[in-house]
Amino acid sequence: MSISPPVAASAPDSSDPPGSSLADTISRLRRALRRGARVADPGNQLSVAQLELLASVAEHPGTRPGQLARRLNLRPNTVTTLVNALTNLGMISRAAAIGGDRRAISLSVTEEGLRAVHAWQATNSAVLNLALSTLTAGQRNALTRATPALDALAQAIDRLADTPLLAPNTDSAG
């Protein structure tokens, strides 16, 4: 895989709302990383949605499908489809959930699923490391210094996603 030299980002438009430039950059980074990972590992047949679901179950063993749907902001039927496919591939196991409802299931990642998550993470790390090697030392240092703030930002967004603050306004005032 070859990486083109870095291209200078355009300066944010002062009329943009705060955070829009950062949101645009993060979106471009996510797309570029997904594309780079696909190029670096064309044999990986799992979709990004499947990999993200697997990673979430690995982070939260015993999670229930409804919890996954809320955590990943997916429709319950989409989670069911993904879970069924990953179960058929031997990457997720289902068990009766602990509690009163015998119909409820909990999900866990199998060893095969963990291998897929670790391979995906390793591929993403390799792509990032290769791309980072094309940046100047100053750019690499700036990214290293920004990592704790970006991690805090991700945690803040996760917390907000669990509150009604981000929910669309459903009040119909006249």
C-alpha atoms as a PDB file:
ATOM      1  CA  MET A   1       0.000   0.000   0.000  1.00  0.00           C
ATOM      2  CA  SER A   2       1.450   3.389  -0.911  1.00  0.00           C
ATOM      3  CA  ILE A   3       0.594   6.607   0.835  1.00  0.00           C
ATOM      4  CA  SER A   4       0.560   9.964  -0.929  1.00  0.00           C
ATOM      5  CA  PRO A   5       2.344  12.892   0.675  1.00  0.00           C
ATOM      6  CA  PRO A   6       0.253  14.852   3.171  1.00  0.00           C
ATOM      7  CA  VAL A   7      -1.987  17.546   1.821  1.00  0.00           C
ATOM      8  CA  ALA A   8      -2.480  20.695   3.847  1.00  0.00           C
ATOM      9  CA  ALA A   9      -6.001  21.000   5.193  1.00  0.00           C
ATOM     10  CA  SER A  10      -7.882  24.103   4.233  1.00  0.00           C
ATOM     11  CA  ALA A  11      -8.460  26.681   6.935  1.00  0.00           C
ATOM     12  CA  PRO A  12     -11.875  26.485   8.576  1.00  0.00           C
ATOM     13  CA  ASP A  13     -14.444  28.950   7.311  1.00  0.00           C
ATOM     14  CA  SER A  14     -15.082  31.469  10.102  1.00  0.00           C
ATOM     15  CA  SER A  15     -18.828  31.310   9.349  1.00  0.00           C
ATOM     16  CA  ASP A  16     -18.934  27.558  10.156  1.00  0.00           C
ATOM     17  CA  PRO A  17     -20.453  26.674  13.526  1.00  0.00           C
ATOM     18  CA  PRO A  18     -17.906  25.624  16.171  1.00  0.00           C
ATOM     19  CA  GLY A  19     -17.006  21.972  15.762  1.00  0.00           C
ATOM     20  CA  SER A  20     -18.049  21.650  12.120  1.00  0.00           C
ATOM     21  CA  SER A  21     -14.465  21.729  10.847  1.00  0.00           C
ATOM     22  CA  LEU A  22     -13.466  19.115  13.431  1.00  0.00           C
ATOM     23  CA  ALA A  23     -16.505  17.005  12.529  1.00  0.00           C
ATOM     24  CA  ASP A  24     -15.601  17.214   8.838  1.00  0.00           C
ATOM     25  CA  THR A  25     -12.012  16.233   9.569  1.00  0.00           C
ATOM     26  CA  ILE A  26     -13.062  13.295  11.751  1.00  0.00           C
ATOM     27  CA  SER A  27     -15.478  12.114   9.046  1.00  0.00           C
ATOM     28  CA  ARG A  28     -12.726  12.286   6.409  1.00  0.00           C
ATOM     29  CA  LEU A  29     -10.340  10.466   8.760  1.00  0.00           C
ATOM     30  CA  ARG A  30     -12.872   7.670   9.397  1.00  0.00           C
ATOM     31  CA  ARG A  31     -13.517   7.247   5.660  1.00  0.00           C
ATOM     32  CA  ALA A  32      -9.804   7.277   4.849  1.00  0.00           C
ATOM     33  CA  LEU A  33      -9.029   4.754   7.587  1.00  0.00           C
ATOM     34  CA  ARG A  34     -11.830   2.423   6.425  1.00  0.00           C
ATOM     35  CA  ARG A  35     -10.594   2.692   2.838  1.00  0.00           C
ATOM     36  CA  GLY A  36      -6.977   2.190   3.876  1.00  0.00           C
ATOM     37  CA  ALA A  37      -7.905  -0.866   5.957  1.00  0.00           C
ATOM     38  CA  ARG A  38      -9.820  -2.387   3.028  1.00  0.00           C
ATOM     39  CA  VAL A  39      -6.840  -1.856   0.728  1.00  0.00           C
ATOM     40  CA  ALA A  40      -4.421  -3.232   3.342  1.00  0.00           C
ATOM     41  CA  ASP A  41      -6.592  -6.294   4.097  1.00  0.00           C
ATOM     42  CA  PRO A  42      -8.726  -7.105   1.050  1.00  0.00           C
ATOM     43  CA  GLY A  43      -9.314 -10.629   2.393  1.00  0.00           C
ATOM     44  CA  ASN A  44     -11.372  -9.321   5.308  1.00  0.00           C
ATOM     45  CA  GLN A  45     -14.916 -10.138   4.262  1.00  0.00           C
ATOM     46  CA  LEU A  46     -16.645  -8.592   7.276  1.00  0.00           C
ATOM     47  CA  SER A  47     -18.419  -5.273   6.883  1.00  0.00           C
ATOM     48  CA  VAL A  48     -17.502  -2.302   9.046  1.00  0.00           C
ATOM     49  CA  ALA A  49     -20.905  -2.646  10.743  1.00  0.00           C
ATOM     50  CA  GLN A  50     -20.135  -6.276  11.600  1.00  0.00           C
ATOM     51  CA  LEU A  51     -16.683  -5.347  12.902  1.00  0.00           C
ATOM     52  CA  GLU A  52     -18.021  -2.469  14.990  1.00  0.00           C
ATOM     53  CA  LEU A  53     -20.726  -4.722  16.446  1.00  0.00           C
ATOM     54  CA  LEU A  54     -18.133  -7.404  17.248  1.00  0.00           C
ATOM     55  CA  ALA A  55     -15.879  -4.832  18.911  1.00  0.00           C
ATOM     56  CA  SER A  56     -18.806  -3.519  20.979  1.00  0.00           C
ATOM     57  CA  VAL A  57     -19.732  -7.016  22.159  1.00  0.00           C
ATOM     58  CA  ALA A  58     -16.060  -7.666  22.979  1.00  0.00           C
ATOM     59  CA  GLU A  59     -16.007  -4.462  25.072  1.00  0.00           C
ATOM     60  CA  HIS A  60     -19.343  -5.335  26.744  1.00  0.00           C
ATOM     61  CA  PRO A  61     -19.579  -9.130  27.139  1.00  0.00           C
ATOM     62  CA  GLY A  62     -23.070 -10.349  27.950  1.00  0.00           C
ATOM     63  CA  THR A  63     -24.715  -7.383  26.267  1.00  0.00           C
ATOM     64  CA  ARG A  64     -28.241  -7.832  24.934  1.00  0.00           C
ATOM     65  CA  PRO A  65     -29.306  -7.035  21.366  1.00  0.00           C
ATOM     66  CA  GLY A  66     -31.440  -4.076  22.483  1.00  0.00           C
ATOM     67  CA  GLN A  67     -28.494  -2.601  24.373  1.00  0.00           C
ATOM     68  CA  LEU A  68     -26.323  -3.027  21.280  1.00  0.00           C
ATOM     69  CA  ALA A  69     -28.911  -1.274  19.126  1.00  0.00           C
ATOM     70  CA  ARG A  70     -28.925   1.715  21.487  1.00  0.00           C
ATOM     71  CA  ARG A  71     -25.123   1.763  21.892  1.00  0.00           C
ATOM     72  CA  LEU A  72     -24.469   1.597  18.143  1.00  0.00           C
ATOM     73  CA  ASN A  73     -27.518   3.669  17.194  1.00  0.00           C
ATOM     74  CA  LEU A  74     -28.842   0.916  14.954  1.00  0.00           C
ATOM     75  CA  ARG A  75     -32.359  -0.338  14.435  1.00  0.00           C
ATOM     76  CA  PRO A  76     -33.110  -3.538  16.358  1.00  0.00           C
ATOM     77  CA  ASN A  77     -33.776  -5.467  13.132  1.00  0.00           C
ATOM     78  CA  THR A  78     -30.362  -4.379  11.796  1.00  0.00           C
ATOM     79  CA  VAL A  79     -28.694  -5.675  14.977  1.00  0.00           C
ATOM     80  CA  THR A  80     -30.619  -8.945  14.615  1.00  0.00           C
ATOM     81  CA  THR A  81     -29.406  -9.335  11.027  1.00  0.00           C
ATOM     82  CA  LEU A  82     -25.789  -8.591  11.992  1.00  0.00           C
ATOM     83  CA  VAL A  83     -25.914 -10.884  15.035  1.00  0.00           C
ATOM     84  CA  ASN A  84     -27.423 -13.714  12.976  1.00  0.00           C
ATOM     85  CA  ALA A  85     -24.699 -13.409  10.343  1.00  0.00           C
ATOM     86  CA  LEU A  86     -21.917 -13.260  12.941  1.00  0.00           C
ATOM     87  CA  THR A  87     -23.437 -16.192  14.840  1.00  0.00           C
ATOM     88  CA  ASN A  88     -23.504 -18.212  11.616  1.00  0.00           C
ATOM     89  CA  LEU A  89     -19.821 -17.359  11.120  1.00  0.00           C
ATOM     90  CA  GLY A  90     -19.056 -18.584  14.635  1.00  0.00           C
ATOM     91  CA  MET A  91     -17.979 -15.140  15.848  1.00  0.00           C
ATOM     92  CA  ILE A  92     -20.756 -14.474  18.364  1.00  0.00           C
ATOM     93  CA  SER A  93     -22.373 -16.855  20.810  1.00  0.00           C
ATOM     94  CA  ARG A  94     -25.801 -16.458  22.362  1.00  0.00           C
ATOM     95  CA  ALA A  95     -26.857 -17.524  25.836  1.00  0.00           C
ATOM     96  CA  ALA A  96     -29.958 -17.104  27.935  1.00  0.00           C
ATOM     97  CA  ALA A  97     -29.678 -13.793  29.747  1.00  0.00           C
ATOM     98  CA  ILE A  98     -29.573 -13.838  33.512  1.00  0.00           C
ATOM     99  CA  GLY A  99     -32.810 -12.544  34.956  1.00  0.00           C
ATOM    100  CA  GLY A 100     -36.514 -13.182  34.839  1.00  0.00           C
ATOM    101  CA  ASP A 101     -37.136 -13.120  31.080  1.00  0.00           C
ATOM    102  CA  ARG A 102     -36.227 -16.496  29.597  1.00  0.00           C
ATOM    103  CA  ARG A 103     -36.650 -15.107  26.069  1.00  0.00           C
ATOM    104  CA  ALA A 104     -33.853 -12.568  26.580  1.00  0.00           C
ATOM    105  CA  ILE A 105     -30.418 -13.470  25.269  1.00  0.00           C
ATOM    106  CA  SER A 106     -26.965 -12.180  26.024  1.00  0.00           C
ATOM    107  CA  LEU A 107     -24.184 -12.059  23.481  1.00  0.00           C
ATOM    108  CA  SER A 108     -20.494 -12.854  23.739  1.00  0.00           C
ATOM    109  CA  VAL A 109     -17.661 -12.817  21.242  1.00  0.00           C
ATOM    110  CA  THR A 110     -16.094 -16.190  20.474  1.00  0.00           C
ATOM    111  CA  GLU A 111     -12.368 -16.761  20.014  1.00  0.00           C
ATOM    112  CA  GLU A 112     -12.913 -16.487  16.253  1.00  0.00           C
ATOM    113  CA  GLY A 113     -14.704 -13.173  16.775  1.00  0.00           C
ATOM    114  CA  LEU A 114     -11.905 -11.881  18.988  1.00  0.00           C
ATOM    115  CA  ARG A 115      -9.364 -12.816  16.312  1.00  0.00           C
ATOM    116  CA  ALA A 116     -11.386 -10.796  13.775  1.00  0.00           C
ATOM    117  CA  VAL A 117     -11.555  -7.776  16.116  1.00  0.00           C
ATOM    118  CA  HIS A 118      -7.825  -7.963  16.879  1.00  0.00           C
ATOM    119  CA  ALA A 119      -6.953  -8.347  13.183  1.00  0.00           C
ATOM    120  CA  TRP A 120      -9.130  -5.323  12.315  1.00  0.00           C
ATOM    121  CA  GLN A 121      -7.496  -3.271  15.078  1.00  0.00           C
ATOM    122  CA  ALA A 122      -4.019  -4.366  13.953  1.00  0.00           C
ATOM    123  CA  THR A 123      -4.794  -3.442  10.345  1.00  0.00           C
ATOM    124  CA  ASN A 124      -6.084  -0.019  11.415  1.00  0.00           C
ATOM    125  CA  SER A 125      -2.950   0.509  13.529  1.00  0.00           C
ATOM    126  CA  ALA A 126      -0.697  -0.486  10.638  1.00  0.00           C
ATOM    127  CA  VAL A 127      -2.496   1.898   8.262  1.00  0.00           C
ATOM    128  CA  LEU A 128      -2.289   4.714  10.813  1.00  0.00           C
ATOM    129  CA  ASN A 129       1.388   4.065  11.519  1.00  0.00           C
ATOM    130  CA  LEU A 130       2.221   4.060   7.818  1.00  0.00           C
ATOM    131  CA  ALA A 131       0.282   7.285   7.281  1.00  0.00           C
ATOM    132  CA  LEU A 132       1.863   8.868  10.365  1.00  0.00           C
ATOM    133  CA  SER A 133       5.308   8.063   8.973  1.00  0.00           C
ATOM    134  CA  THR A 134       4.577  10.388   6.040  1.00  0.00           C
ATOM    135  CA  LEU A 135       3.853  13.362   8.309  1.00  0.00           C
ATOM    136  CA  THR A 136       6.363  15.819   9.665  1.00  0.00           C
ATOM    137  CA  ALA A 137       7.657  15.371  13.211  1.00  0.00           C
ATOM    138  CA  GLY A 138       5.692  18.458  14.228  1.00  0.00           C
ATOM    139  CA  GLN A 139       2.454  17.018  12.833  1.00  0.00           C
ATOM    140  CA  ARG A 140       3.070  13.684  14.590  1.00  0.00           C
ATOM    141  CA  ASN A 141       3.802  15.491  17.861  1.00  0.00           C
ATOM    142  CA  ALA A 142       0.651  17.589  17.523  1.00  0.00           C
ATOM    143  CA  LEU A 143      -1.418  14.431  17.002  1.00  0.00           C
ATOM    144  CA  THR A 144       0.218  12.745  19.981  1.00  0.00           C
ATOM    145  CA  ARG A 145      -0.520  15.764  22.164  1.00  0.00           C
ATOM    146  CA  ALA A 146      -4.136  15.859  20.910  1.00  0.00           C
ATOM    147  CA  THR A 147      -4.818  12.173  21.625  1.00  0.00           C
ATOM    148  CA  PRO A 148      -5.961  12.638  25.261  1.00  0.00           C
ATOM    149  CA  ALA A 149      -8.298  15.466  24.223  1.00  0.00           C
ATOM    150  CA  LEU A 150      -9.703  13.388  21.353  1.00  0.00           C
ATOM    151  CA  ASP A 151     -10.254  10.473  23.742  1.00  0.00           C
ATOM    152  CA  ALA A 152     -12.053  12.804  26.178  1.00  0.00           C
ATOM    153  CA  LEU A 153     -14.141  14.112  23.273  1.00  0.00           C
ATOM    154  CA  ALA A 154     -15.129  10.560  22.285  1.00  0.00           C
ATOM    155  CA  GLN A 155     -16.122   9.810  25.881  1.00  0.00           C
ATOM    156  CA  ALA A 156     -18.145  13.030  26.097  1.00  0.00           C
ATOM    157  CA  ILE A 157     -19.995  12.176  22.882  1.00  0.00           C
ATOM    158  CA  ASP A 158     -20.698   8.668  24.212  1.00  0.00           C
ATOM    159  CA  ARG A 159     -22.104  10.161  27.437  1.00  0.00           C
ATOM    160  CA  LEU A 160     -24.223  12.657  25.510  1.00  0.00           C
ATOM    161  CA  ALA A 161     -25.541   9.907  23.254  1.00  0.00           C
ATOM    162  CA  ASP A 162     -26.977   8.275  26.381  1.00  0.00           C
ATOM    163  CA  THR A 163     -28.877  11.422  27.364  1.00  0.00           C
ATOM    164  CA  PRO A 164     -31.899  13.113  25.799  1.00  0.00           C
ATOM    165  CA  LEU A 165     -29.779  16.209  24.986  1.00  0.00           C
ATOM    166  CA  LEU A 166     -28.952  14.911  21.496  1.00  0.00           C
ATOM    167  CA  ALA A 167     -32.462  13.659  20.773  1.00  0.00           C
ATOM    168  CA  PRO A 168     -34.312  15.588  18.078  1.00  0.00           C
ATOM    169  CA  ASN A 169     -36.809  18.107  19.370  1.00  0.00           C
ATOM    170  CA  THR A 170     -40.222  16.479  19.149  1.00  0.00           C
ATOM    171  CA  ASP A 171     -42.157  19.345  20.711  1.00  0.00           C
ATOM    172  CA  SER A 172     -44.690  20.756  18.304  1.00  0.00           C
ATOM    173  CA  ALA A 173     -45.145  24.328  19.401  1.00  0.00           C
ATOM    174  CA  GLY A 174     -47.784  25.585  17.075  1.00  0.00           C
END
